[in-house]
Amino acid sequence: MYVDSPIVLELVALLKAHGVRHVVISPGSRHYPIMRSLEHDPDFHLYSVVDERSAGFFAIGVIRATNSPVAVLTTSGTAAVNLSSPIADAYYQRLPLVAITADRFPQLLDQMEDQMVDQSNLFAGTLRSRALLRPINTDTDHWYNNRVINEALLALRINGVGPVHVNVPIDNHTGLAYSTKTLPSARVVSHHTPTSWGTDWSDVEARLRGKRVMILWGQSGPVDSETLTALSDFTSRTDSLVISDHLGNLDHSAVLEKAFASLRSGRARAGAITPDVLITMGGTLFLIEEVKALLREHEVEHWRIDPDGRIVDPFWQLTDVFQVSSLDFLSKAVSVSSPQVQSKYREVASGIVNHVPKIPDTYGELGTIGRFLERLPQDAALHIGNSAPMRMAHLYEIDPKINILGNRGVNGIDGSMSATIGYAAASGQLTFLIIGDLSFFYDMNSLWIRHRPANLRILVVNNGGGALMHSSPVPSNRAQQAALHTSAGHSDSVQGWVESMGIKYLQAHDGSSLEASLEIFMDPQSDSAIVLEAFSDKVADIGQLKDYHSSNGAVGSSTYRKVRSFTGRTLRKLGMRG
């Protein structure tokens, strides 16, 4: 039987799933649990070669004879080091060799333990991928190991051919139980390129038929008309819903309105719009946490569409990677001869949108951002700073003709003004920025840039520190203490620095002064850049945001859960659900 070790079972299952059926084994003991599990499985063809260097070259011969990937398995220490020569040769011959090395736990490195060297960077410069497995103590460990093994085994023959290294930490190789009768159903990530399926997309279309399909569109520039047409055709022939944040710049009728609020609603969280297939396209995803909450406790297929072909698995359910552009996928995944469908999925989602509560029109950060967004001219560009401004701006609808940008690569609060000034200087377009006070002070030297143009408008919401920190992790009764370090509380203004730079300065303290300042702020004919500083209170601002999310989260949740529970009981009585 197989060893009762999750890390070994995952490895063996994925080797088999990815077609690695020939394994050359050198003697030793630390890799005994892997070796014995392979011996138990008749689908593997095993070879024994004593010297590890010879074992690696022997494996190269098997690769040539079988035209298939071959693994070589060794114990830890110098046994693993001895694979350097055949791995280097396989790299330059472009041969799919899998080096599997047992290892001791990394905590023991340099502690005079036997048969132990640093195996984390072995074979540097001669690998296509490296999977450094971790002991499985949590669900995160299990997911990580599954992902990196999939990555490594796909790299054997995707976008090139060459060797990979899988390093397996084994704490104790003696006294283990061998009672597992069958391998687990390990998740297998499939990689698709145009050459791997030719021009036949029928299987892709068949997998989508009858499924609720959610397209999650990430950050991108304005979407071209050809892609929009392909998206229209795709959504007319599938039961699909399109989710996009403001940074996606996707102007299409199938896009869910008020997506941020809708996804956080009680009905959505209760499963009303959970998909069967999630398709991600584009860049970074502002709505990633909302979609994670949507998928929690649900099994879905996640398809990633991107020309880079990388394994990116933020939802822990990645099943397929299509190394094509969004346009190629949308235009080919469904046939033009397929019948059009009435999307019940979009109908359900529309019902959620209709019950999203109205945003309170009171002065504060949330209201200031809302009033500002209402007045944006269509031909403008808008940069949104990270943290609270990004979240609050996504509660409002923004004219789709406005080009929306933001530094969402790593989502830090630094650099937003510099990026905005660069865009304004190069584009000549009237360019706006919403930014918090800490983000402003972080990047205040950017106003000193000599290329700062007159078409620049900066709205600074100054609520005396980092407001979002008062949402989490700071409890409400620690607000005063949190201002010392966590939220960097202060009573400073940007006025002195702005005016010293020769920039027109405006300020607002309430609704009426905000309205008056916005009239001047929006003037495209100003001969100077303009900074509008709107003052508010960080604790009150974040309290208002939390109250809104709380009221939205309660809408429809209990009713929908009751309906789902009733439906489940009925299906069980009919024998249609276990």
Protein backbone atom coordinates (compact mmCIF):
# COMPACT_ATOMS: atom_id res chain seq x y z
CA MET A 1 0.00 0.00 0.00
CA TYR A 2 0.96 3.67 -0.19
CA VAL A 3 2.50 5.52 2.74
CA ASP A 4 0.13 7.48 4.98
CA SER A 5 1.93 10.72 4.18
CA PRO A 6 0.02 13.57 2.49
CA ILE A 7 3.13 15.09 0.95
CA VAL A 8 4.21 11.80 -0.68
CA LEU A 9 0.69 10.89 -1.80
CA GLU A 10 0.26 14.30 -3.47
CA LEU A 11 3.57 13.93 -5.30
CA VAL A 12 2.92 10.39 -6.52
CA ALA A 13 -0.63 11.25 -7.65
CA LEU A 14 0.55 14.26 -9.65
CA LEU A 15 3.47 12.39 -11.22
CA LYS A 16 0.98 9.88 -12.54
CA ALA A 17 -1.51 12.53 -13.66
CA HIS A 18 1.16 14.44 -15.61
CA GLY A 19 2.40 11.32 -17.38
CA VAL A 20 5.66 10.72 -15.49
CA ARG A 21 5.61 6.93 -15.40
CA HIS A 22 9.35 6.05 -15.61
CA VAL A 23 11.42 6.58 -12.43
CA VAL A 24 15.12 5.83 -11.92
CA ILE A 25 15.90 5.22 -8.23
CA SER A 26 19.24 5.39 -6.43
CA PRO A 27 19.55 3.58 -3.07
CA GLY A 28 19.13 5.27 0.30
CA SER A 29 16.66 5.57 3.15
CA ARG A 30 15.28 9.09 3.48
CA HIS A 31 13.36 8.72 0.23
CA TYR A 32 12.07 5.26 1.26
CA PRO A 33 8.40 6.43 1.71
CA ILE A 34 8.39 7.71 -1.89
CA MET A 35 10.22 4.66 -3.20
CA ARG A 36 7.92 2.15 -1.50
CA SER A 37 4.79 3.98 -2.67
CA LEU A 38 6.07 3.89 -6.25
CA GLU A 39 6.85 0.19 -5.90
CA HIS A 40 3.23 -0.39 -4.86
CA ASP A 41 1.81 1.27 -7.97
CA PRO A 42 1.91 -0.88 -11.15
CA ASP A 43 1.56 2.20 -13.37
CA PHE A 44 5.18 3.16 -12.69
CA HIS A 45 8.14 1.54 -14.44
CA LEU A 46 11.07 1.60 -11.99
CA TYR A 47 14.82 1.25 -12.56
CA SER A 48 17.64 0.88 -10.02
CA VAL A 49 20.99 2.64 -10.55
CA VAL A 50 23.41 2.97 -7.62
CA ASP A 51 25.42 6.05 -8.57
CA GLU A 52 23.23 9.17 -8.69
CA ARG A 53 25.17 10.77 -11.53
CA SER A 54 24.81 7.60 -13.58
CA ALA A 55 21.15 7.40 -12.58
CA GLY A 56 20.55 10.86 -14.04
CA PHE A 57 22.26 10.02 -17.32
CA PHE A 58 20.45 6.68 -17.42
CA ALA A 59 17.20 8.63 -17.13
CA ILE A 60 18.28 10.76 -20.10
CA GLY A 61 18.60 7.58 -22.11
CA VAL A 62 15.10 6.51 -21.08
CA ILE A 63 13.74 9.93 -22.12
CA ARG A 64 15.24 9.50 -25.58
CA ALA A 65 13.87 5.97 -25.93
CA THR A 66 10.34 6.71 -24.70
CA ASN A 67 9.97 10.34 -25.76
CA SER A 68 8.35 11.00 -22.38
CA PRO A 69 9.35 12.71 -19.11
CA VAL A 70 11.41 10.59 -16.70
CA ALA A 71 12.11 11.11 -12.98
CA VAL A 72 15.24 10.32 -11.00
CA LEU A 73 14.82 9.83 -7.24
CA THR A 74 17.59 10.22 -4.65
CA THR A 75 18.11 10.58 -0.92
CA SER A 76 19.39 13.80 0.64
CA GLY A 77 22.83 15.42 0.92
CA THR A 78 25.61 14.69 -1.54
CA ALA A 79 23.37 12.14 -3.26
CA ALA A 80 21.27 15.06 -4.46
CA VAL A 81 24.32 17.13 -5.39
CA ASN A 82 25.50 14.32 -7.67
CA LEU A 83 22.62 15.02 -10.04
CA SER A 84 24.19 18.33 -11.12
CA SER A 85 25.89 16.92 -14.22
CA PRO A 86 22.91 15.11 -15.79
CA ILE A 87 20.59 18.04 -14.97
CA ALA A 88 22.95 20.47 -16.70
CA ASP A 89 23.12 18.16 -19.70
CA ALA A 90 19.33 17.76 -19.80
CA TYR A 91 18.93 21.53 -19.62
CA TYR A 92 21.07 22.18 -22.67
CA GLN A 93 19.62 19.18 -24.51
CA ARG A 94 16.12 20.38 -23.61
CA LEU A 95 15.02 17.08 -22.13
CA PRO A 96 12.15 16.63 -19.60
CA LEU A 97 14.02 15.24 -16.58
CA VAL A 98 12.42 15.41 -13.10
CA ALA A 99 14.92 15.45 -10.23
CA ILE A 100 13.17 14.33 -7.03
CA THR A 101 15.36 14.76 -3.96
CA ALA A 102 14.45 13.84 -0.39
CA ASP A 103 15.56 16.38 2.20
CA ARG A 104 15.64 16.98 5.91
CA PHE A 105 13.62 19.79 7.47
CA PRO A 106 15.19 23.21 6.77
CA GLN A 107 15.32 24.08 10.49
CA LEU A 108 18.13 21.53 10.86
CA LEU A 109 20.44 23.09 8.27
CA ASP A 110 23.98 23.83 9.55
CA GLN A 111 23.25 22.06 12.85
CA MET A 112 25.70 19.18 12.29
CA GLU A 113 22.97 16.83 11.10
CA ASP A 114 24.10 14.07 8.75
CA GLN A 115 23.37 13.91 5.03
CA MET A 116 22.24 17.52 4.86
CA VAL A 117 23.22 20.39 2.59
CA ASP A 118 21.21 23.38 1.42
CA GLN A 119 19.17 21.84 -1.38
CA SER A 120 16.97 24.89 -1.99
CA ASN A 121 19.21 26.31 -4.71
CA LEU A 122 20.77 23.19 -6.17
CA PHE A 123 21.12 23.15 -9.96
CA ALA A 124 20.77 26.96 -10.19
CA GLY A 125 20.83 28.17 -13.77
CA THR A 126 20.00 24.77 -15.26
CA LEU A 127 16.33 24.33 -14.29
CA ARG A 128 13.04 25.36 -15.87
CA SER A 129 11.24 25.18 -12.52
CA ARG A 130 11.87 24.35 -8.88
CA ALA A 131 9.28 23.01 -6.40
CA LEU A 132 10.50 23.29 -2.81
CA LEU A 133 7.80 21.39 -0.95
CA ARG A 134 6.83 22.17 2.63
CA PRO A 135 5.76 19.87 5.45
CA ILE A 136 1.94 19.74 5.42
CA ASN A 137 0.56 21.16 8.66
CA THR A 138 -2.17 23.42 7.29
CA ASP A 139 -4.50 23.73 4.31
CA THR A 140 -2.17 26.44 3.00
CA ASP A 141 0.74 23.97 2.99
CA HIS A 142 -1.35 21.44 1.07
CA TRP A 143 -2.46 24.02 -1.51
CA TYR A 144 1.09 25.32 -1.90
CA ASN A 145 2.59 21.89 -2.51
CA ASN A 146 -0.11 21.01 -5.03
CA ARG A 147 0.45 24.26 -6.90
CA VAL A 148 4.25 24.10 -7.12
CA ILE A 149 4.26 20.43 -8.13
CA ASN A 150 1.79 21.26 -10.90
CA GLU A 151 3.96 24.22 -11.93
CA ALA A 152 7.09 22.11 -12.07
CA LEU A 153 5.59 19.21 -13.99
CA LEU A 154 3.96 21.55 -16.50
CA ALA A 155 7.27 23.33 -17.00
CA LEU A 156 8.81 20.08 -18.28
CA ARG A 157 7.24 20.66 -21.70
CA ILE A 158 5.28 23.94 -21.72
CA ASN A 159 6.85 27.00 -23.37
CA GLY A 160 10.03 25.03 -23.85
CA VAL A 161 11.44 21.75 -22.59
CA GLY A 162 13.92 21.02 -19.82
CA PRO A 163 14.57 19.64 -16.32
CA VAL A 164 12.80 20.52 -13.08
CA HIS A 165 13.59 19.91 -9.42
CA VAL A 166 11.15 18.71 -6.74
CA ASN A 167 12.61 18.81 -3.20
CA VAL A 168 10.66 16.79 -0.61
CA PRO A 169 11.22 17.39 3.13
CA ILE A 170 10.80 14.15 5.09
CA ASP A 171 11.06 14.41 8.86
CA ASN A 172 11.07 10.73 9.70
CA HIS A 173 11.41 7.87 7.24
CA THR A 174 11.09 5.06 9.79
CA GLY A 175 8.06 3.76 11.65
CA LEU A 176 5.61 5.12 9.09
CA ALA A 177 2.30 3.45 8.33
CA TYR A 178 1.55 2.09 4.86
CA SER A 179 -2.20 1.60 4.88
CA THR A 180 -3.44 3.94 2.12
CA LYS A 181 -5.10 1.82 -0.56
CA THR A 182 -5.65 4.42 -3.26
CA LEU A 183 -4.05 7.71 -4.23
CA PRO A 184 -5.95 10.90 -3.41
CA SER A 185 -7.75 12.77 -6.15
CA ALA A 186 -5.11 15.48 -6.38
CA ARG A 187 -6.01 18.62 -8.25
CA VAL A 188 -4.41 18.65 -11.69
CA VAL A 189 -3.84 21.97 -13.46
CA SER A 190 -4.13 21.67 -17.24
CA HIS A 191 -2.24 24.03 -19.53
CA HIS A 192 -3.61 24.84 -22.97
CA THR A 193 -1.83 26.52 -25.84
CA PRO A 194 -3.10 26.86 -29.42
CA THR A 195 -0.72 24.12 -30.53
CA SER A 196 -1.94 21.71 -27.85
CA TRP A 197 -5.48 21.58 -29.24
CA GLY A 198 -5.05 22.92 -32.75
CA THR A 199 -8.18 24.65 -33.96
CA ASP A 200 -10.69 22.40 -32.17
CA TRP A 201 -12.37 24.30 -29.36
CA SER A 202 -15.36 21.98 -29.14
CA ASP A 203 -14.24 20.50 -25.82
CA VAL A 204 -13.96 23.97 -24.29
CA GLU A 205 -17.46 24.86 -25.46
CA ALA A 206 -18.85 21.56 -24.16
CA ARG A 207 -17.40 22.21 -20.70
CA LEU A 208 -19.18 25.59 -20.56
CA ARG A 209 -22.54 24.33 -21.75
CA GLY A 210 -25.22 24.46 -19.04
CA LYS A 211 -22.85 26.07 -16.52
CA ARG A 212 -23.04 29.37 -14.69
CA VAL A 213 -19.95 31.19 -15.96
CA MET A 214 -18.46 34.20 -14.20
CA ILE A 215 -15.88 36.28 -16.07
CA LEU A 216 -13.75 38.27 -13.65
CA TRP A 217 -12.04 41.04 -15.59
CA GLY A 218 -8.92 42.54 -14.02
CA GLN A 219 -7.10 45.83 -14.44
CA SER A 220 -6.57 46.88 -18.04
CA GLY A 221 -6.53 49.85 -20.34
CA PRO A 222 -9.62 50.79 -22.36
CA VAL A 223 -10.86 47.63 -24.10
CA ASP A 224 -10.83 47.62 -27.91
CA SER A 225 -14.00 47.23 -29.97
CA GLU A 226 -13.02 43.81 -31.35
CA THR A 227 -12.73 42.34 -27.86
CA LEU A 228 -16.01 43.97 -26.81
CA THR A 229 -17.74 42.37 -29.82
CA ALA A 230 -16.28 38.97 -28.94
CA LEU A 231 -17.45 39.42 -25.34
CA SER A 232 -20.96 40.23 -26.56
CA ASP A 233 -21.04 37.05 -28.64
CA PHE A 234 -19.68 34.95 -25.76
CA THR A 235 -22.17 36.29 -23.21
CA SER A 236 -25.09 35.86 -25.63
CA ARG A 237 -24.32 32.12 -26.02
CA THR A 238 -23.46 31.26 -22.40
CA ASP A 239 -25.21 31.68 -19.06
CA SER A 240 -22.59 34.18 -17.99
CA LEU A 241 -22.02 37.19 -15.78
CA VAL A 242 -19.14 39.66 -16.13
CA ILE A 243 -17.54 41.19 -13.04
CA SER A 244 -15.15 44.10 -13.44
CA ASP A 245 -13.80 46.77 -11.13
CA HIS A 246 -13.30 50.37 -12.21
CA LEU A 247 -9.67 49.71 -13.15
CA GLY A 248 -10.82 47.15 -15.73
CA ASN A 249 -12.13 49.98 -17.95
CA LEU A 250 -14.65 47.53 -19.39
CA ASP A 251 -17.71 49.24 -20.85
CA HIS A 252 -20.13 46.40 -21.62
CA SER A 253 -23.80 45.66 -20.95
CA ALA A 254 -23.06 42.27 -19.34
CA VAL A 255 -20.91 43.84 -16.60
CA LEU A 256 -22.53 43.69 -13.17
CA GLU A 257 -23.39 47.18 -11.93
CA LYS A 258 -22.26 48.23 -8.45
CA ALA A 259 -20.05 45.14 -8.38
CA PHE A 260 -18.21 45.96 -5.13
CA ALA A 261 -21.41 46.45 -3.14
CA SER A 262 -23.27 43.64 -4.93
CA LEU A 263 -20.59 41.06 -4.19
CA ARG A 264 -20.62 42.05 -0.51
CA SER A 265 -24.41 41.79 -0.23
CA GLY A 266 -26.06 39.21 1.96
CA ARG A 267 -27.57 37.31 -0.97
CA ALA A 268 -24.25 37.12 -2.82
CA ARG A 269 -22.42 35.90 0.28
CA ALA A 270 -25.15 33.29 0.78
CA GLY A 271 -24.35 31.80 -2.64
CA ALA A 272 -26.91 33.40 -4.97
CA ILE A 273 -24.36 34.19 -7.68
CA THR A 274 -21.67 31.62 -7.01
CA PRO A 275 -20.54 30.31 -10.45
CA ASP A 276 -19.72 26.84 -11.70
CA VAL A 277 -16.83 28.16 -13.78
CA LEU A 278 -14.79 31.25 -12.94
CA ILE A 279 -12.80 32.73 -15.83
CA THR A 280 -10.21 35.38 -15.00
CA MET A 281 -8.79 37.80 -17.55
CA GLY A 282 -6.68 40.93 -17.41
CA GLY A 283 -4.37 42.17 -14.69
CA THR A 284 -4.64 42.58 -10.93
CA LEU A 285 -8.04 42.15 -9.29
CA PHE A 286 -9.37 44.75 -6.88
CA LEU A 287 -12.39 42.55 -6.15
CA ILE A 288 -10.31 39.49 -5.30
CA GLU A 289 -11.33 39.26 -1.62
CA GLU A 290 -15.01 39.67 -2.48
CA VAL A 291 -14.82 36.83 -5.01
CA LYS A 292 -12.90 34.66 -2.53
CA ALA A 293 -15.76 35.11 -0.07
CA LEU A 294 -18.21 34.21 -2.85
CA LEU A 295 -16.41 30.94 -3.58
CA ARG A 296 -15.78 29.89 0.01
CA GLU A 297 -17.16 26.40 0.68
CA HIS A 298 -18.01 25.97 -3.03
CA GLU A 299 -16.16 23.88 -5.58
CA VAL A 300 -15.70 25.68 -8.89
CA GLU A 301 -13.46 25.42 -11.90
CA HIS A 302 -11.11 28.37 -12.27
CA TRP A 303 -9.84 29.05 -15.80
CA ARG A 304 -7.07 31.61 -16.18
CA ILE A 305 -6.79 33.33 -19.58
CA ASP A 306 -3.49 35.09 -20.16
CA PRO A 307 -0.77 35.10 -22.85
CA ASP A 308 1.88 34.64 -20.14
CA GLY A 309 0.59 31.13 -19.39
CA ARG A 310 1.61 31.33 -15.72
CA ILE A 311 0.08 29.34 -12.87
CA VAL A 312 -1.66 32.01 -10.77
CA ASP A 313 -4.09 30.52 -8.27
CA PRO A 314 -5.50 33.15 -5.87
CA PHE A 315 -8.75 31.23 -5.31
CA TRP A 316 -7.05 27.85 -4.67
CA GLN A 317 -9.22 26.21 -7.35
CA LEU A 318 -7.27 26.70 -10.57
CA THR A 319 -7.98 23.90 -13.04
CA ASP A 320 -7.02 25.32 -16.44
CA VAL A 321 -4.61 27.87 -17.90
CA PHE A 322 -5.24 29.04 -21.46
CA GLN A 323 -2.17 30.73 -22.88
CA VAL A 324 -4.06 32.98 -25.26
CA SER A 325 -5.32 36.55 -25.30
CA SER A 326 -8.76 37.46 -24.00
CA LEU A 327 -9.84 38.17 -27.57
CA ASP A 328 -8.71 34.76 -28.83
CA PHE A 329 -10.49 32.94 -26.03
CA LEU A 330 -13.75 34.88 -26.24
CA SER A 331 -13.94 34.62 -30.02
CA LYS A 332 -13.22 30.88 -30.16
CA ALA A 333 -14.53 29.32 -26.94
CA VAL A 334 -18.09 29.28 -28.25
CA SER A 335 -19.12 28.62 -31.83
CA VAL A 336 -21.06 31.21 -33.81
CA SER A 337 -23.44 28.38 -34.66
CA SER A 338 -24.27 27.82 -30.98
CA PRO A 339 -27.77 28.93 -29.98
CA GLN A 340 -28.19 32.11 -28.00
CA VAL A 341 -29.34 31.68 -24.39
CA GLN A 342 -31.34 33.79 -21.99
CA SER A 343 -29.02 34.22 -19.02
CA LYS A 344 -30.83 33.39 -15.78
CA TYR A 345 -27.54 33.98 -14.02
CA ARG A 346 -27.52 37.66 -15.01
CA GLU A 347 -31.17 37.96 -13.99
CA VAL A 348 -30.36 36.76 -10.47
CA ALA A 349 -27.43 39.17 -10.26
CA SER A 350 -29.60 42.07 -11.43
CA GLY A 351 -31.97 41.35 -8.56
CA ILE A 352 -29.10 41.77 -6.12
CA VAL A 353 -28.06 45.09 -7.68
CA ASN A 354 -31.60 46.43 -7.29
CA HIS A 355 -31.45 45.88 -3.53
CA VAL A 356 -28.06 47.44 -2.87
CA PRO A 357 -28.69 50.18 -0.28
CA LYS A 358 -28.21 53.84 -1.13
CA ILE A 359 -24.99 55.46 0.07
CA PRO A 360 -25.60 58.10 2.78
CA ASP A 361 -25.12 61.63 1.46
CA THR A 362 -23.35 63.07 4.48
CA TYR A 363 -20.09 64.97 4.56
CA GLY A 364 -17.01 62.83 5.15
CA GLU A 365 -14.56 60.83 3.06
CA LEU A 366 -17.25 58.66 1.49
CA GLY A 367 -19.54 61.56 0.62
CA THR A 368 -16.65 63.71 -0.62
CA ILE A 369 -15.53 61.03 -3.04
CA GLY A 370 -19.10 60.54 -4.25
CA ARG A 371 -19.68 64.21 -4.95
CA PHE A 372 -16.33 64.48 -6.70
CA LEU A 373 -17.01 61.48 -8.95
CA GLU A 374 -20.39 62.88 -9.99
CA ARG A 375 -18.67 65.92 -11.50
CA LEU A 376 -15.88 64.23 -13.43
CA PRO A 377 -15.86 65.25 -17.11
CA GLN A 378 -16.06 62.39 -19.64
CA ASP A 379 -12.78 63.22 -21.35
CA ALA A 380 -10.77 63.04 -18.11
CA ALA A 381 -8.46 60.44 -16.66
CA LEU A 382 -8.81 59.36 -13.04
CA HIS A 383 -6.13 57.84 -10.83
CA ILE A 384 -7.38 56.32 -7.57
CA GLY A 385 -5.01 56.02 -4.61
CA ASN A 386 -4.89 52.78 -2.68
CA SER A 387 -6.43 51.99 0.71
CA ALA A 388 -9.69 53.72 1.72
CA PRO A 389 -10.05 55.91 -1.43
CA MET A 390 -9.92 52.82 -3.66
CA ARG A 391 -12.57 51.02 -1.63
CA MET A 392 -14.88 53.99 -1.32
CA ALA A 393 -14.63 54.95 -4.99
CA HIS A 394 -15.76 51.44 -5.92
CA LEU A 395 -19.08 51.97 -4.16
CA TYR A 396 -20.00 54.54 -6.79
CA GLU A 397 -20.67 54.22 -10.49
CA ILE A 398 -18.19 56.10 -12.71
CA ASP A 399 -18.81 57.12 -16.29
CA PRO A 400 -17.28 54.30 -18.39
CA LYS A 401 -15.79 56.82 -20.83
CA ILE A 402 -13.37 57.97 -18.13
CA ASN A 403 -10.00 56.18 -18.20
CA ILE A 404 -9.37 54.88 -14.67
CA LEU A 405 -5.93 53.97 -13.37
CA GLY A 406 -4.22 52.96 -10.13
CA ASN A 407 -1.05 51.41 -8.75
CA ARG A 408 -2.47 47.95 -8.09
CA GLY A 409 0.64 45.89 -8.82
CA VAL A 410 1.52 45.58 -5.13
CA ASN A 411 -1.20 47.93 -3.80
CA GLY A 412 1.09 50.11 -1.70
CA ILE A 413 0.19 53.68 -0.78
CA ASP A 414 3.46 55.09 -2.13
CA GLY A 415 3.93 56.48 -5.63
CA SER A 416 0.34 57.33 -6.57
CA MET A 417 1.08 61.03 -7.11
CA SER A 418 4.27 60.36 -9.06
CA ALA A 419 2.43 57.97 -11.40
CA THR A 420 -0.41 60.47 -11.85
CA ILE A 421 1.93 63.34 -12.61
CA GLY A 422 3.78 61.19 -15.14
CA TYR A 423 0.52 60.32 -16.88
CA ALA A 424 -0.71 63.92 -16.89
CA ALA A 425 2.60 65.21 -18.24
CA ALA A 426 2.77 62.66 -21.07
CA SER A 427 -0.91 62.56 -22.05
CA GLY A 428 -1.89 66.21 -21.85
CA GLN A 429 -5.29 64.94 -20.66
CA LEU A 430 -7.12 66.54 -17.73
CA THR A 431 -6.02 64.15 -15.00
CA PHE A 432 -7.49 63.72 -11.52
CA LEU A 433 -6.20 61.87 -8.47
CA ILE A 434 -8.06 60.86 -5.29
CA ILE A 435 -5.56 60.25 -2.50
CA GLY A 436 -5.45 59.94 1.29
CA ASP A 437 -3.33 62.15 3.51
CA LEU A 438 -0.70 59.54 4.39
CA SER A 439 -0.31 58.60 0.72
CA PHE A 440 0.13 62.29 -0.10
CA PHE A 441 2.83 62.84 2.54
CA TYR A 442 4.56 59.63 1.42
CA ASP A 443 4.93 60.98 -2.11
CA MET A 444 4.90 64.75 -1.53
CA ASN A 445 8.26 65.27 -3.25
CA SER A 446 6.57 64.36 -6.54
CA LEU A 447 5.06 67.87 -6.61
CA TRP A 448 8.63 69.09 -7.03
CA ILE A 449 8.99 67.28 -10.37
CA ARG A 450 9.82 69.88 -12.99
CA HIS A 451 7.46 68.27 -15.52
CA ARG A 452 4.38 68.85 -13.34
CA PRO A 453 1.64 70.06 -15.74
CA ALA A 454 -1.26 72.47 -15.30
CA ASN A 455 -3.77 69.74 -16.25
CA LEU A 456 -3.23 68.03 -12.88
CA ARG A 457 -5.95 67.92 -10.18
CA ILE A 458 -5.39 66.24 -6.79
CA LEU A 459 -8.16 65.63 -4.24
CA VAL A 460 -6.58 64.93 -0.84
CA VAL A 461 -8.94 63.49 1.76
CA ASN A 462 -7.23 64.46 5.02
CA ASN A 463 -8.81 62.68 7.95
CA GLY A 464 -5.75 62.79 10.16
CA GLY A 465 -4.13 59.39 9.51
CA GLY A 466 -4.64 55.97 8.01
CA ALA A 467 -8.40 55.49 8.22
CA LEU A 468 -8.48 51.92 6.95
CA MET A 469 -6.41 50.68 9.91
CA HIS A 470 -9.41 51.57 12.07
CA SER A 471 -11.48 49.05 10.16
CA SER A 472 -9.06 46.19 10.77
CA PRO A 473 -7.20 45.20 12.90
CA VAL A 474 -7.90 48.03 15.36
CA PRO A 475 -10.99 47.56 17.60
CA SER A 476 -13.14 50.64 18.16
CA ASN A 477 -12.10 50.98 21.82
CA ARG A 478 -8.44 51.29 20.78
CA ALA A 479 -8.87 54.21 18.37
CA GLN A 480 -6.93 56.71 20.47
CA GLN A 481 -4.01 54.35 21.09
CA ALA A 482 -3.97 53.24 17.44
CA ALA A 483 -3.32 56.81 16.32
CA LEU A 484 0.10 56.69 17.99
CA HIS A 485 1.62 54.15 15.62
CA THR A 486 -0.86 51.99 13.69
CA SER A 487 -2.67 54.75 11.82
CA ALA A 488 -0.03 57.50 12.27
CA GLY A 489 -2.49 60.07 13.53
CA HIS A 490 -1.66 63.74 12.91
CA SER A 491 -3.16 67.22 12.59
CA ASP A 492 -1.08 68.43 9.64
CA SER A 493 -2.22 70.01 6.38
CA VAL A 494 -0.76 69.79 2.88
CA GLN A 495 -1.37 73.53 2.35
CA GLY A 496 2.11 74.86 3.12
CA TRP A 497 3.93 72.45 0.84
CA VAL A 498 1.42 72.84 -1.99
CA GLU A 499 1.50 76.63 -1.97
CA SER A 500 5.30 76.68 -1.71
CA MET A 501 5.34 74.77 -5.00
CA GLY A 502 3.23 77.48 -6.66
CA ILE A 503 0.18 75.22 -6.95
CA LYS A 504 -3.35 76.55 -6.47
CA TYR A 505 -4.72 75.33 -3.14
CA LEU A 506 -8.37 74.84 -2.10
CA GLN A 507 -9.89 73.34 1.04
CA ALA A 508 -13.21 72.01 2.33
CA HIS A 509 -14.51 71.35 5.85
CA ASP A 510 -18.19 70.70 5.14
CA GLY A 511 -20.66 70.11 2.35
CA SER A 512 -21.08 73.72 1.29
CA SER A 513 -17.35 74.51 1.15
CA LEU A 514 -16.80 71.27 -0.76
CA GLU A 515 -19.36 72.27 -3.39
CA ALA A 516 -17.78 75.70 -3.82
CA SER A 517 -14.26 74.24 -4.09
CA LEU A 518 -15.30 71.57 -6.60
CA GLU A 519 -16.55 74.25 -8.98
CA ILE A 520 -13.04 75.73 -9.16
CA PHE A 521 -11.32 72.34 -8.98
CA MET A 522 -13.04 71.05 -12.11
CA ASP A 523 -12.04 74.04 -14.26
CA PRO A 524 -10.05 72.64 -17.23
CA GLN A 525 -8.78 76.13 -18.15
CA SER A 526 -6.76 76.72 -14.98
CA ASP A 527 -3.20 77.84 -15.68
CA SER A 528 -1.98 75.89 -12.64
CA ALA A 529 -2.31 72.44 -11.15
CA ILE A 530 -4.88 72.42 -8.32
CA VAL A 531 -4.92 70.60 -4.99
CA LEU A 532 -8.18 70.36 -3.04
CA GLU A 533 -7.82 69.26 0.58
CA ALA A 534 -11.03 67.95 2.17
CA PHE A 535 -10.84 67.55 5.94
CA SER A 536 -12.73 64.85 7.83
CA ASP A 537 -12.32 62.46 10.75
CA LYS A 538 -10.78 59.03 10.18
CA VAL A 539 -12.74 57.18 12.87
CA ALA A 540 -16.06 58.64 11.70
CA ASP A 541 -15.16 57.96 8.05
CA ILE A 542 -14.34 54.31 8.57
CA GLY A 543 -17.33 53.91 10.87
CA GLN A 544 -19.60 55.12 8.08
CA LEU A 545 -18.02 52.66 5.64
CA LYS A 546 -18.42 49.77 8.09
CA ASP A 547 -22.05 50.69 8.78
CA TYR A 548 -22.79 50.70 5.06
CA HIS A 549 -21.17 47.31 4.51
CA SER A 550 -23.05 45.95 7.52
CA SER A 551 -26.44 47.09 6.22
CA ASN A 552 -25.62 45.78 2.74
CA GLY A 553 -24.49 42.44 4.11
CA ALA A 554 -27.82 41.90 5.83
CA VAL A 555 -29.91 42.46 2.69
CA GLY A 556 -31.62 39.26 1.57
CA SER A 557 -29.20 36.86 3.28
CA SER A 558 -31.57 35.07 5.66
CA THR A 559 -34.35 34.72 3.06
CA TYR A 560 -31.99 33.28 0.47
CA ARG A 561 -30.46 30.86 2.99
CA LYS A 562 -33.96 29.67 3.95
CA VAL A 563 -34.80 29.05 0.27
CA ARG A 564 -31.55 27.14 -0.25
CA SER A 565 -32.15 25.09 2.90
CA PHE A 566 -35.73 24.25 1.82
CA THR A 567 -34.54 23.30 -1.66
CA GLY A 568 -31.84 21.07 -0.19
CA ARG A 569 -34.32 19.26 2.08
CA THR A 570 -36.71 18.74 -0.84
CA LEU A 571 -33.98 17.31 -3.08
CA ARG A 572 -32.85 14.94 -0.33
CA LYS A 573 -36.42 13.68 0.13
CA LEU A 574 -36.57 13.01 -3.60
CA GLY A 575 -33.27 11.16 -3.46
CA MET A 576 -31.62 13.72 -5.70
CA ARG A 577 -29.05 14.85 -3.15
CA GLY A 578 -27.10 12.92 -0.56
